Amino acid sequence: MAALFGGATLAHAADVPAGTKLAPEQSLVKGNGSEPATLDPHKTEGTVESNIQRDLFEGLVSSGPKGETLPGVAESWETKDNKHFIFHLRKDAKWSNGEPVTAHDFVFAFKRAVDPKTGSPYSWYMEIPTIVNASAIIAGKQPANTLGVKATDDYTFEVQLEKAIPYFVSMLSHTTTYPVPKAVIEKFGDKWTQPENMVSNGAYKLKDWVVNERVDVERNPNYWNNAKTVIDKVTYLPIQSTNAELNRYLAGEVDLTYNMPIERFKQMKKEHPSEVQVSGYVGTYYYTFNTKRKPYDDVRVRTALTYAIDRNVIAEKVMGKGETPGYALVPDFVDGFKPVAPEWSKLTQAELDTKAKALLAEAGYGPGNPLKFELLYNTDDNHKKVAVAVASMWKKLGVEVSLVNQEWKTYLETLKQGQFDVARRGWIADYNEASSMLDLMQTTHGNNDGKYSNPTFDKLMAESRDQVDSASRNKLYVQAEEILAKDMPIAPIYQYVTSRMVKPYVGGYPANPLDNLYSKDMYIIAH
């Protein structure tokens, strides 16, 4: 068999340099943006939730500091053909209640993720790598127990794919593939994630959850690698205002922020240069059009609105933290693929504005009949600044925009129900490969909020899963981006960077391209 990986010694944990004096209290406070909608791995669709779940749970593999794939509950794995994968689980993996984590837990979890009864907003994630019968189960055509997964014994988990997917293992650090405790879920139902009920298998367990105030997790003594964990307690604060979060950081109440307010970035670079951490991020910030609503079903309207956004102004003047203009869905930072800039990106903003006005006029909009609509975004200082700037750019076309902001949970529900005209979205790759971005625009994708559908695009993405060779896949990805540039279901705006404040005494903070941070990798230096 062609062993893809072996050796549990490479699993990552806190790597404290010799001679480092640690603080007597190992407690970390993180800003976390918003109140989590859930802590159930199979009900999650946002970074706010995933940040906490990476501490509470562990999948078959983990994501390393450079985005590399490292052993998690699986200490090794193998495949002959990139279709049939065998995972060998470590025998010392335990749940926080002391019971062993077994292959049966993964079978239960994978089936639960695709079962329509679960209502997972990320069920599509199991469909992407073509796990046998995943699509049919999600569509309600097959029962969940027909999914192509099995436990051949307590510590051997097997997955059968329909197509050869060489990057499959790298997908398994995602929250949707985490194991969940069957007996606990069956006993408590939706209340299984409450602190008094929750059982998890990560480096930490849930201690307290005060809605709109904080989530506390504490060390899980039953975690297999607990001896290498240093931080004892992590507190997540749902602070929506980036200014309020920064003020609490400067007051010593937060050790690591979720984000940074745009207007104070330069000041922080000047006053606290060593604490400002900026790194590349595999993600794109964009606006999505509701293609099921008139007039956003008209490609001329979508294209006009996309053209009129001055991306240089947004990236450099409004954001200004290292973001770069975005003209495509796949960012330049993704591993192994270089996006080809669409033709329209080579025009000057004046040329684009002229084309935009002509397209709107052609679609029947002008001074006598102005286009009016609502732009939806979730509550956040930075999102508001971008929305205000873009609305003023659209105003030059004679377009009248009303800004609507909603709290995170409400905003997600509004998107799901399709109750919007144009909405702010951002997509961060779930694994470091172009398909993790492009799949978003497939007809059946659970996060295709604008309900865009193009059979040719879907066919190209399906074909890409038949290509083991990355160069062959990349040719299809380029064609897929060309279709998006023509159909314009979204308006890409800029390519993300992660920017946050990190206290100098927080050791082990990694610059991860997927921003997959694990508290178990960190430690607090005496200060």
Protein backbone atom coordinates (compact mmCIF):
# COMPACT_ATOMS: atom_id res chain seq x y z
CA MET A 1 0.00 0.00 0.00
CA ALA A 2 1.13 3.55 -0.69
CA ALA A 3 1.36 5.01 2.80
CA LEU A 4 0.43 8.67 2.68
CA PHE A 5 1.51 9.38 6.19
CA GLY A 6 2.70 7.60 9.28
CA GLY A 7 4.09 8.45 12.65
CA ALA A 8 2.23 10.09 15.48
CA THR A 9 5.32 11.93 16.69
CA LEU A 10 4.66 14.79 14.26
CA ALA A 11 1.36 15.73 15.85
CA HIS A 12 1.60 19.35 16.83
CA ALA A 13 1.36 20.76 20.34
CA ALA A 14 2.84 23.62 22.33
CA ASP A 15 6.53 23.79 21.44
CA VAL A 16 8.04 25.83 24.27
CA PRO A 17 11.68 26.82 23.57
CA ALA A 18 14.20 25.69 26.20
CA GLY A 19 14.80 28.32 28.87
CA THR A 20 11.39 29.99 28.43
CA LYS A 21 9.92 31.07 31.75
CA LEU A 22 6.19 30.38 31.75
CA ALA A 23 3.60 32.48 33.56
CA PRO A 24 2.19 30.83 36.71
CA GLU A 25 -1.35 31.32 35.36
CA GLN A 26 -1.82 29.76 31.91
CA SER A 27 -5.01 31.53 30.83
CA LEU A 28 -5.76 32.97 27.36
CA VAL A 29 -8.50 35.47 26.47
CA LYS A 30 -9.48 35.69 22.78
CA GLY A 31 -11.77 38.16 21.05
CA ASN A 32 -14.18 36.15 18.88
CA GLY A 33 -16.27 38.61 16.86
CA SER A 34 -19.84 37.46 17.55
CA GLU A 35 -21.95 35.21 19.72
CA PRO A 36 -21.62 31.64 18.34
CA ALA A 37 -24.79 30.36 16.67
CA THR A 38 -24.02 26.82 17.92
CA LEU A 39 -21.21 24.63 19.26
CA ASP A 40 -22.45 21.52 17.43
CA PRO A 41 -19.81 20.70 14.76
CA HIS A 42 -22.50 19.52 12.35
CA LYS A 43 -24.62 22.68 12.70
CA THR A 44 -21.74 25.11 12.10
CA GLU A 45 -21.06 27.40 9.14
CA GLY A 46 -19.00 30.29 10.51
CA THR A 47 -15.48 31.04 11.75
CA VAL A 48 -16.84 32.28 15.09
CA GLU A 49 -18.03 28.75 15.91
CA SER A 50 -15.10 26.91 14.33
CA ASN A 51 -12.60 28.88 16.43
CA ILE A 52 -14.07 27.40 19.62
CA GLN A 53 -14.68 23.93 18.17
CA ARG A 54 -11.01 23.52 17.23
CA ASP A 55 -10.28 23.62 20.96
CA LEU A 56 -13.17 21.33 21.94
CA PHE A 57 -12.86 18.65 19.27
CA GLU A 58 -10.27 16.84 17.18
CA GLY A 59 -10.82 15.18 13.82
CA LEU A 60 -8.85 12.46 12.09
CA VAL A 61 -6.20 15.06 11.21
CA SER A 62 -5.25 18.58 12.27
CA SER A 63 -4.01 21.61 10.36
CA GLY A 64 -0.41 22.56 11.16
CA PRO A 65 1.11 26.04 11.56
CA LYS A 66 1.85 26.27 7.81
CA GLY A 67 -1.48 24.74 6.80
CA GLU A 68 0.09 21.29 6.52
CA THR A 69 -1.85 18.13 7.42
CA LEU A 70 -0.83 16.49 10.70
CA PRO A 71 -2.17 13.47 12.61
CA GLY A 72 -5.12 13.99 14.92
CA VAL A 73 -7.15 11.05 16.19
CA ALA A 74 -5.71 9.10 13.24
CA GLU A 75 -2.02 8.43 13.80
CA SER A 76 -1.55 7.18 10.22
CA TRP A 77 -3.47 6.52 7.01
CA GLU A 78 -3.01 4.90 3.64
CA THR A 79 -4.51 4.58 0.17
CA LYS A 80 -3.64 2.77 -3.05
CA ASP A 81 -5.83 4.77 -5.42
CA ASN A 82 -6.97 8.03 -3.70
CA LYS A 83 -10.45 6.49 -3.56
CA HIS A 84 -10.28 4.02 -0.68
CA PHE A 85 -8.73 5.48 2.46
CA ILE A 86 -7.86 3.54 5.61
CA PHE A 87 -7.29 5.48 8.85
CA HIS A 88 -5.57 3.90 11.84
CA LEU A 89 -6.80 5.55 15.03
CA ARG A 90 -4.62 6.04 18.09
CA LYS A 91 -5.69 3.81 20.97
CA ASP A 92 -5.18 6.49 23.63
CA ALA A 93 -7.73 8.95 22.18
CA LYS A 94 -10.51 9.55 24.73
CA TRP A 95 -13.64 11.61 25.16
CA SER A 96 -13.70 14.14 27.99
CA ASN A 97 -15.77 11.64 30.03
CA GLY A 98 -12.91 9.13 29.78
CA GLU A 99 -14.51 6.79 27.23
CA PRO A 100 -12.42 5.76 24.18
CA VAL A 101 -12.81 7.54 20.83
CA THR A 102 -13.35 4.79 18.26
CA ALA A 103 -13.87 4.33 14.53
CA HIS A 104 -17.59 3.84 15.30
CA ASP A 105 -17.73 7.45 16.53
CA PHE A 106 -16.49 8.65 13.14
CA VAL A 107 -18.98 6.42 11.31
CA PHE A 108 -21.79 7.94 13.40
CA ALA A 109 -20.51 11.49 12.88
CA PHE A 110 -20.04 11.25 9.10
CA LYS A 111 -23.54 9.77 8.70
CA ARG A 112 -25.04 12.40 10.99
CA ALA A 113 -23.42 15.19 8.94
CA VAL A 114 -25.13 14.08 5.70
CA ASP A 115 -28.47 12.99 7.21
CA PRO A 116 -31.16 15.52 6.16
CA LYS A 117 -32.69 15.09 9.65
CA THR A 118 -29.62 16.80 11.12
CA GLY A 119 -30.11 19.86 8.91
CA SER A 120 -26.39 20.52 8.63
CA PRO A 121 -25.67 23.74 6.70
CA TYR A 122 -22.35 22.10 5.73
CA SER A 123 -23.65 18.68 4.62
CA TRP A 124 -22.39 19.55 1.12
CA TYR A 125 -18.84 19.33 2.51
CA MET A 126 -19.15 15.52 2.56
CA GLU A 127 -20.43 15.60 -1.01
CA ILE A 128 -17.42 17.55 -2.35
CA PRO A 129 -14.91 14.67 -2.07
CA THR A 130 -17.53 12.28 -3.53
CA ILE A 131 -17.92 10.02 -0.48
CA VAL A 132 -20.03 7.13 -1.80
CA ASN A 133 -23.77 7.93 -1.67
CA ALA A 134 -23.28 11.32 0.06
CA SER A 135 -25.15 13.21 -2.69
CA ALA A 136 -28.04 10.75 -2.75
CA ILE A 137 -28.38 10.82 1.06
CA ILE A 138 -28.35 14.65 1.19
CA ALA A 139 -31.01 14.70 -1.57
CA GLY A 140 -33.16 12.30 0.48
CA LYS A 141 -32.86 9.49 -2.10
CA GLN A 142 -30.90 7.07 0.10
CA PRO A 143 -30.81 6.40 3.86
CA ALA A 144 -27.84 7.79 5.82
CA ASN A 145 -26.59 4.29 6.67
CA THR A 146 -25.60 3.75 3.00
CA LEU A 147 -22.77 6.33 3.25
CA GLY A 148 -19.39 4.98 2.12
CA VAL A 149 -17.82 4.77 5.57
CA LYS A 150 -17.21 1.83 7.91
CA ALA A 151 -15.37 0.71 11.01
CA THR A 152 -13.58 -2.57 10.35
CA ASP A 153 -12.69 -2.66 14.05
CA ASP A 154 -12.62 -0.16 16.94
CA TYR A 155 -9.50 1.57 15.63
CA THR A 156 -9.75 1.25 11.84
CA PHE A 157 -11.96 3.69 9.92
CA GLU A 158 -12.43 3.37 6.17
CA VAL A 159 -13.85 5.83 3.63
CA GLN A 160 -14.77 4.98 0.04
CA LEU A 161 -14.93 7.79 -2.52
CA GLU A 162 -16.53 7.64 -5.97
CA LYS A 163 -13.64 9.54 -7.58
CA ALA A 164 -9.92 9.78 -6.89
CA ILE A 165 -9.46 12.88 -4.69
CA PRO A 166 -5.77 13.29 -3.78
CA TYR A 167 -6.45 16.18 -1.39
CA PHE A 168 -9.15 14.29 0.56
CA VAL A 169 -7.10 13.84 3.76
CA SER A 170 -6.39 17.59 3.93
CA MET A 171 -10.17 18.19 4.06
CA LEU A 172 -10.49 16.21 7.28
CA SER A 173 -9.30 18.89 9.69
CA HIS A 174 -12.63 20.65 9.13
CA THR A 175 -15.28 20.86 11.87
CA THR A 176 -17.90 19.00 9.77
CA THR A 177 -15.73 15.86 9.94
CA TYR A 178 -15.27 15.96 13.73
CA PRO A 179 -16.49 13.00 15.77
CA VAL A 180 -19.45 13.62 18.09
CA PRO A 181 -20.61 11.50 21.07
CA LYS A 182 -23.58 9.38 19.99
CA ALA A 183 -24.85 8.40 23.48
CA VAL A 184 -24.74 12.03 24.69
CA ILE A 185 -26.60 13.34 21.61
CA GLU A 186 -29.23 10.60 21.91
CA LYS A 187 -29.72 11.40 25.60
CA PHE A 188 -29.86 15.22 25.46
CA GLY A 189 -30.86 16.03 21.85
CA ASP A 190 -30.23 19.68 20.93
CA LYS A 191 -29.18 20.39 24.52
CA TRP A 192 -26.09 18.19 24.26
CA THR A 193 -23.87 21.26 23.71
CA GLN A 194 -24.79 22.86 27.04
CA PRO A 195 -21.85 22.96 29.49
CA GLU A 196 -23.41 20.48 31.94
CA ASN A 197 -24.03 17.94 29.12
CA MET A 198 -21.25 18.40 26.57
CA VAL A 199 -18.68 15.70 25.96
CA SER A 200 -15.87 16.45 23.49
CA ASN A 201 -12.54 14.89 22.46
CA GLY A 202 -10.23 17.87 21.93
CA ALA A 203 -7.54 19.41 24.11
CA TYR A 204 -10.26 21.37 25.95
CA LYS A 205 -13.77 20.81 27.30
CA LEU A 206 -16.62 23.28 27.70
CA LYS A 207 -16.77 24.83 31.18
CA ASP A 208 -19.18 27.74 30.84
CA TRP A 209 -21.24 29.54 28.17
CA VAL A 210 -22.84 32.86 29.10
CA VAL A 211 -24.76 34.04 26.02
CA ASN A 212 -23.49 37.35 24.61
CA GLU A 213 -20.79 37.48 27.29
CA ARG A 214 -18.26 34.65 27.04
CA VAL A 215 -17.51 30.99 26.34
CA ASP A 216 -15.01 29.35 28.72
CA VAL A 217 -13.15 26.14 27.93
CA GLU A 218 -10.74 24.32 30.25
CA ARG A 219 -8.12 21.67 29.76
CA ASN A 220 -9.40 18.17 29.05
CA PRO A 221 -7.27 15.85 31.22
CA ASN A 222 -8.44 12.88 29.11
CA TYR A 223 -7.03 14.34 25.87
CA TRP A 224 -4.39 11.94 24.51
CA ASN A 225 -1.74 14.67 24.18
CA ASN A 226 -2.67 16.57 27.37
CA ALA A 227 0.93 16.35 28.65
CA LYS A 228 1.99 18.64 25.79
CA THR A 229 -0.80 21.19 26.39
CA VAL A 230 0.29 24.25 28.39
CA ILE A 231 -2.67 26.67 28.49
CA ASP A 232 -5.21 25.62 31.14
CA LYS A 233 -8.15 27.88 30.31
CA VAL A 234 -9.35 29.81 27.24
CA THR A 235 -12.08 32.46 27.27
CA TYR A 236 -13.80 33.55 24.04
CA LEU A 237 -15.44 37.01 24.06
CA PRO A 238 -18.16 37.81 21.44
CA ILE A 239 -17.20 41.47 20.89
CA GLN A 240 -18.77 42.69 17.63
CA SER A 241 -17.23 46.17 17.65
CA THR A 242 -13.59 46.03 16.57
CA ASN A 243 -13.02 49.35 18.36
CA ALA A 244 -14.44 48.02 21.62
CA GLU A 245 -12.34 44.89 21.24
CA LEU A 246 -9.15 46.91 20.67
CA ASN A 247 -9.90 49.09 23.70
CA ARG A 248 -10.24 46.00 25.86
CA TYR A 249 -7.00 44.63 24.40
CA LEU A 250 -5.17 47.87 25.24
CA ALA A 251 -6.68 47.75 28.75
CA GLY A 252 -5.17 44.27 29.20
CA GLU A 253 -8.51 42.41 29.12
CA VAL A 254 -7.89 40.57 25.81
CA ASP A 255 -4.71 38.72 24.80
CA LEU A 256 -5.49 38.10 21.15
CA THR A 257 -8.05 39.99 19.05
CA TYR A 258 -10.41 38.63 16.41
CA ASN A 259 -9.83 41.54 14.04
CA MET A 260 -8.69 45.16 13.99
CA PRO A 261 -10.52 48.45 13.35
CA ILE A 262 -9.35 49.85 10.01
CA GLU A 263 -8.99 53.44 11.18
CA ARG A 264 -6.63 52.53 14.05
CA PHE A 265 -4.38 50.13 12.16
CA LYS A 266 -1.66 52.68 11.31
CA GLN A 267 -1.70 54.02 14.85
CA MET A 268 -1.20 50.49 16.24
CA LYS A 269 1.60 49.80 13.76
CA LYS A 270 3.31 52.92 15.07
CA GLU A 271 2.64 52.48 18.79
CA HIS A 272 2.69 48.65 19.14
CA PRO A 273 4.56 47.40 16.03
CA SER A 274 5.53 44.01 17.49
CA GLU A 275 1.93 43.26 18.53
CA VAL A 276 0.33 43.83 15.12
CA GLN A 277 0.21 40.45 13.37
CA VAL A 278 -0.70 40.43 9.66
CA SER A 279 -0.48 37.33 7.49
CA GLY A 280 -1.79 36.00 4.18
CA TYR A 281 -5.16 34.27 4.22
CA VAL A 282 -6.82 31.97 1.71
CA GLY A 283 -10.04 33.94 1.43
CA THR A 284 -11.99 36.50 -0.62
CA TYR A 285 -14.39 39.26 0.48
CA TYR A 286 -17.27 39.71 -1.97
CA TYR A 287 -20.89 40.76 -2.46
CA THR A 288 -23.36 38.15 -3.62
CA PHE A 289 -26.39 38.86 -5.82
CA ASN A 290 -29.71 37.14 -5.22
CA THR A 291 -30.07 35.69 -8.72
CA LYS A 292 -33.60 34.49 -7.92
CA ARG A 293 -34.83 38.09 -7.52
CA LYS A 294 -35.36 40.64 -10.24
CA PRO A 295 -33.39 42.53 -11.43
CA TYR A 296 -30.38 40.57 -10.06
CA ASP A 297 -31.33 37.72 -12.37
CA ASP A 298 -30.11 40.07 -15.15
CA VAL A 299 -26.39 39.63 -15.82
CA ARG A 300 -26.20 43.26 -17.06
CA VAL A 301 -27.26 44.57 -13.65
CA ARG A 302 -24.85 42.27 -11.79
CA THR A 303 -21.99 43.19 -14.10
CA ALA A 304 -22.67 46.94 -13.87
CA LEU A 305 -22.65 46.85 -10.07
CA THR A 306 -19.47 44.75 -10.04
CA TYR A 307 -17.63 47.04 -12.46
CA ALA A 308 -18.48 50.18 -10.48
CA ILE A 309 -16.64 49.03 -7.32
CA ASP A 310 -13.20 50.67 -7.16
CA ARG A 311 -11.24 47.82 -5.60
CA ASN A 312 -8.00 49.78 -5.26
CA VAL A 313 -9.77 52.34 -3.09
CA ILE A 314 -11.40 49.61 -0.94
CA ALA A 315 -8.21 47.55 -0.50
CA GLU A 316 -5.77 50.40 0.04
CA LYS A 317 -7.78 53.32 1.46
CA VAL A 318 -10.78 51.75 3.23
CA MET A 319 -9.00 48.60 4.49
CA GLY A 320 -5.28 49.38 4.25
CA LYS A 321 -3.98 46.44 6.29
CA GLY A 322 -2.30 44.62 3.41
CA GLU A 323 -5.45 43.49 1.56
CA THR A 324 -5.19 43.35 -2.24
CA PRO A 325 -7.91 44.09 -4.83
CA GLY A 326 -9.99 41.01 -5.68
CA TYR A 327 -11.18 40.33 -9.22
CA ALA A 328 -11.86 36.60 -8.92
CA LEU A 329 -13.20 34.17 -6.35
CA VAL A 330 -9.90 32.28 -5.86
CA PRO A 331 -7.26 34.42 -4.12
CA ASP A 332 -3.61 34.50 -5.23
CA PHE A 333 -2.62 33.02 -1.88
CA VAL A 334 -4.15 29.57 -2.47
CA ASP A 335 -1.71 26.67 -2.65
CA GLY A 336 -0.71 25.36 -6.08
CA PHE A 337 -2.93 27.55 -8.27
CA LYS A 338 -2.38 30.97 -9.79
CA PRO A 339 -5.68 32.61 -10.80
CA VAL A 340 -5.77 34.28 -14.22
CA ALA A 341 -6.96 37.90 -13.93
CA PRO A 342 -10.19 38.46 -15.90
CA GLU A 343 -10.04 40.86 -18.85
CA TRP A 344 -12.21 43.50 -17.17
CA SER A 345 -9.68 43.83 -14.33
CA LYS A 346 -7.21 45.39 -16.79
CA LEU A 347 -9.47 48.40 -17.53
CA THR A 348 -9.20 51.73 -15.70
CA GLN A 349 -11.92 52.59 -13.18
CA ALA A 350 -13.16 55.37 -15.51
CA GLU A 351 -13.55 52.82 -18.35
CA LEU A 352 -15.36 50.41 -16.02
CA ASP A 353 -17.73 53.16 -14.81
CA THR A 354 -18.60 54.06 -18.41
CA LYS A 355 -19.36 50.40 -19.20
CA ALA A 356 -21.39 50.08 -15.98
CA LYS A 357 -23.62 53.06 -16.87
CA ALA A 358 -24.20 51.69 -20.37
CA LEU A 359 -25.15 48.24 -19.00
CA LEU A 360 -27.61 49.72 -16.49
CA ALA A 361 -29.19 51.87 -19.22
CA GLU A 362 -29.50 48.79 -21.42
CA ALA A 363 -31.23 47.00 -18.53
CA GLY A 364 -33.71 49.89 -18.28
CA TYR A 365 -32.27 51.92 -15.40
CA GLY A 366 -31.31 55.58 -15.46
CA PRO A 367 -32.24 59.03 -14.05
CA GLY A 368 -35.94 58.49 -14.69
CA ASN A 369 -35.93 54.96 -13.28
CA PRO A 370 -33.13 54.56 -10.72
CA LEU A 371 -32.17 51.11 -9.48
CA LYS A 372 -32.99 50.86 -5.75
CA PHE A 373 -32.08 48.01 -3.45
CA GLU A 374 -30.91 46.94 0.02
CA LEU A 375 -27.33 45.89 0.80
CA LEU A 376 -27.22 43.42 3.70
CA TYR A 377 -24.21 42.95 5.98
CA ASN A 378 -23.62 41.46 9.42
CA THR A 379 -22.93 43.87 12.28
CA ASP A 380 -19.25 44.83 12.22
CA ASP A 381 -17.43 48.19 12.05
CA ASN A 382 -15.27 47.14 9.11
CA HIS A 383 -18.16 45.69 7.06
CA LYS A 384 -20.03 48.96 7.55
CA LYS A 385 -17.09 51.02 6.24
CA VAL A 386 -16.86 48.88 3.10
CA ALA A 387 -20.64 49.06 2.57
CA VAL A 388 -20.68 52.87 2.92
CA ALA A 389 -17.78 53.19 0.44
CA VAL A 390 -19.32 50.83 -2.14
CA ALA A 391 -22.75 52.50 -1.81
CA SER A 392 -21.13 55.86 -2.66
CA MET A 393 -19.48 54.28 -5.73
CA TRP A 394 -22.84 52.91 -6.85
CA LYS A 395 -24.44 56.30 -6.25
CA LYS A 396 -22.31 57.69 -9.10
CA LEU A 397 -24.27 55.35 -11.38
CA GLY A 398 -27.54 56.83 -10.06
CA VAL A 399 -28.15 53.70 -7.94
CA GLU A 400 -29.89 54.20 -4.58
CA VAL A 401 -28.73 51.80 -1.88
CA SER A 402 -30.17 51.28 1.62
CA LEU A 403 -27.74 49.66 4.08
CA VAL A 404 -29.18 46.93 6.31
CA ASN A 405 -27.13 45.37 9.11
CA GLN A 406 -28.13 42.33 11.16
CA GLU A 407 -26.64 40.35 14.05
CA TRP A 408 -24.70 37.24 12.98
CA LYS A 409 -27.38 34.59 13.68
CA THR A 410 -30.16 36.66 12.08
CA TYR A 411 -27.97 37.50 9.08
CA LEU A 412 -27.19 33.79 8.48
CA GLU A 413 -30.90 32.97 8.62
CA THR A 414 -31.77 35.84 6.21
CA LEU A 415 -29.22 34.49 3.72
CA LYS A 416 -30.51 30.96 4.08
CA GLN A 417 -34.09 32.11 3.41
CA GLY A 418 -32.97 34.16 0.37
CA GLN A 419 -34.55 37.31 1.84
CA PHE A 420 -32.03 39.79 0.44
CA ASP A 421 -31.11 41.73 -2.72
CA VAL A 422 -27.32 42.02 -2.42
CA ALA A 423 -25.37 40.76 0.59
CA ARG A 424 -21.88 40.92 2.03
CA ARG A 425 -20.12 37.59 2.04
CA GLY A 426 -16.64 36.33 2.61
CA TRP A 427 -15.33 32.86 1.95
CA ILE A 428 -12.30 31.36 3.64
CA ALA A 429 -11.02 28.11 2.16
CA ASP A 430 -11.80 25.05 4.28
CA TYR A 431 -8.63 23.40 2.93
CA ASN A 432 -5.78 24.93 0.93
CA GLU A 433 -6.86 24.09 -2.63
CA ALA A 434 -8.67 26.12 -5.30
CA SER A 435 -11.70 23.81 -5.28
CA SER A 436 -12.47 24.90 -1.72
CA MET A 437 -13.23 28.37 -3.15
CA LEU A 438 -14.76 27.47 -6.52
CA ASP A 439 -17.10 24.77 -5.20
CA LEU A 440 -19.03 27.56 -3.50
CA MET A 441 -20.65 28.52 -6.82
CA GLN A 442 -21.99 25.05 -7.62
CA THR A 443 -25.78 24.78 -7.93
CA THR A 444 -26.09 22.34 -5.00
CA HIS A 445 -23.63 24.05 -2.65
CA GLY A 446 -25.19 24.80 0.74
CA ASN A 447 -23.54 28.24 0.95
CA ASN A 448 -24.42 29.36 -2.58
CA ASP A 449 -26.64 32.05 -1.05
CA GLY A 450 -27.42 33.82 -4.33
CA LYS A 451 -28.67 30.52 -5.84
CA TYR A 452 -26.43 30.90 -8.90
CA SER A 453 -26.67 27.97 -11.28
CA ASN A 454 -24.67 27.22 -14.42
CA PRO A 455 -24.60 23.59 -15.70
CA THR A 456 -21.29 24.15 -17.53
CA PHE A 457 -19.65 25.43 -14.34
CA ASP A 458 -21.03 22.45 -12.38
CA LYS A 459 -19.70 20.07 -15.04
CA LEU A 460 -16.20 21.57 -14.89
CA MET A 461 -16.08 21.23 -11.11
CA ALA A 462 -17.32 17.63 -11.36
CA GLU A 463 -14.64 16.90 -13.98
CA SER A 464 -11.96 18.41 -11.73
CA ARG A 465 -12.62 15.58 -9.27
CA ASP A 466 -11.51 13.08 -11.91
CA GLN A 467 -8.08 14.73 -12.19
CA VAL A 468 -5.41 13.41 -9.85
CA ASP A 469 -2.82 15.59 -11.61
CA SER A 470 -2.90 19.16 -10.24
CA ALA A 471 -1.99 20.78 -13.61
CA SER A 472 -5.03 19.15 -15.24
CA ARG A 473 -7.26 20.28 -12.37
CA ASN A 474 -5.90 23.82 -12.61
CA LYS A 475 -6.85 24.08 -16.31
CA LEU A 476 -10.45 23.30 -15.35
CA TYR A 477 -10.30 25.81 -12.48
CA VAL A 478 -9.20 28.55 -14.92
CA GLN A 479 -12.18 27.74 -17.17
CA ALA A 480 -14.49 27.81 -14.15
CA GLU A 481 -13.25 31.29 -13.17
CA GLU A 482 -13.81 32.46 -16.76
CA ILE A 483 -17.47 31.44 -16.49
CA LEU A 484 -17.83 33.36 -13.22
CA ALA A 485 -16.24 36.43 -14.81
CA LYS A 486 -18.88 36.26 -17.57
CA ASP A 487 -21.92 35.43 -15.39
CA MET A 488 -20.89 37.66 -12.44
CA PRO A 489 -22.97 35.93 -9.71
CA ILE A 490 -20.75 37.66 -7.17
CA ALA A 491 -18.75 40.88 -7.04
CA PRO A 492 -15.28 40.00 -5.66
CA ILE A 493 -13.90 42.99 -3.72
CA TYR A 494 -10.63 42.15 -1.99
CA GLN A 495 -8.39 39.31 -0.89
CA TYR A 496 -8.26 38.83 2.84
CA VAL A 497 -5.36 39.03 5.22
CA THR A 498 -5.61 38.14 8.89
CA SER A 499 -4.83 41.14 11.05
CA ARG A 500 -4.99 41.06 14.80
CA MET A 501 -3.28 42.27 17.93
CA VAL A 502 -1.36 39.61 19.86
CA LYS A 503 0.22 40.26 23.25
CA PRO A 504 4.02 39.73 23.27
CA TYR A 505 3.64 37.18 26.08
CA VAL A 506 1.49 34.85 23.91
CA GLY A 507 3.94 32.23 22.70
CA GLY A 508 3.32 29.80 19.84
CA TYR A 509 1.04 32.09 17.82
CA PRO A 510 1.27 30.76 14.23
CA ALA A 511 0.66 32.61 10.96
CA ASN A 512 -1.62 29.95 9.48
CA PRO A 513 -2.88 30.50 5.87
CA LEU A 514 -6.30 29.11 6.87
CA ASP A 515 -6.20 30.89 10.26
CA ASN A 516 -6.74 27.54 11.96
CA LEU A 517 -5.53 28.43 15.45
CA TYR A 518 -5.38 25.86 18.23
CA SER A 519 -4.96 27.03 21.82
CA LYS A 520 -3.04 23.82 22.59
CA ASP A 521 -0.19 25.16 20.41
CA MET A 522 0.16 28.30 22.52
CA TYR A 523 1.57 29.21 25.93
CA ILE A 524 1.77 32.29 28.15
CA ILE A 525 5.27 33.61 28.85
CA ALA A 526 6.00 35.13 32.26
CA HIS A 527 5.42 38.89 32.08
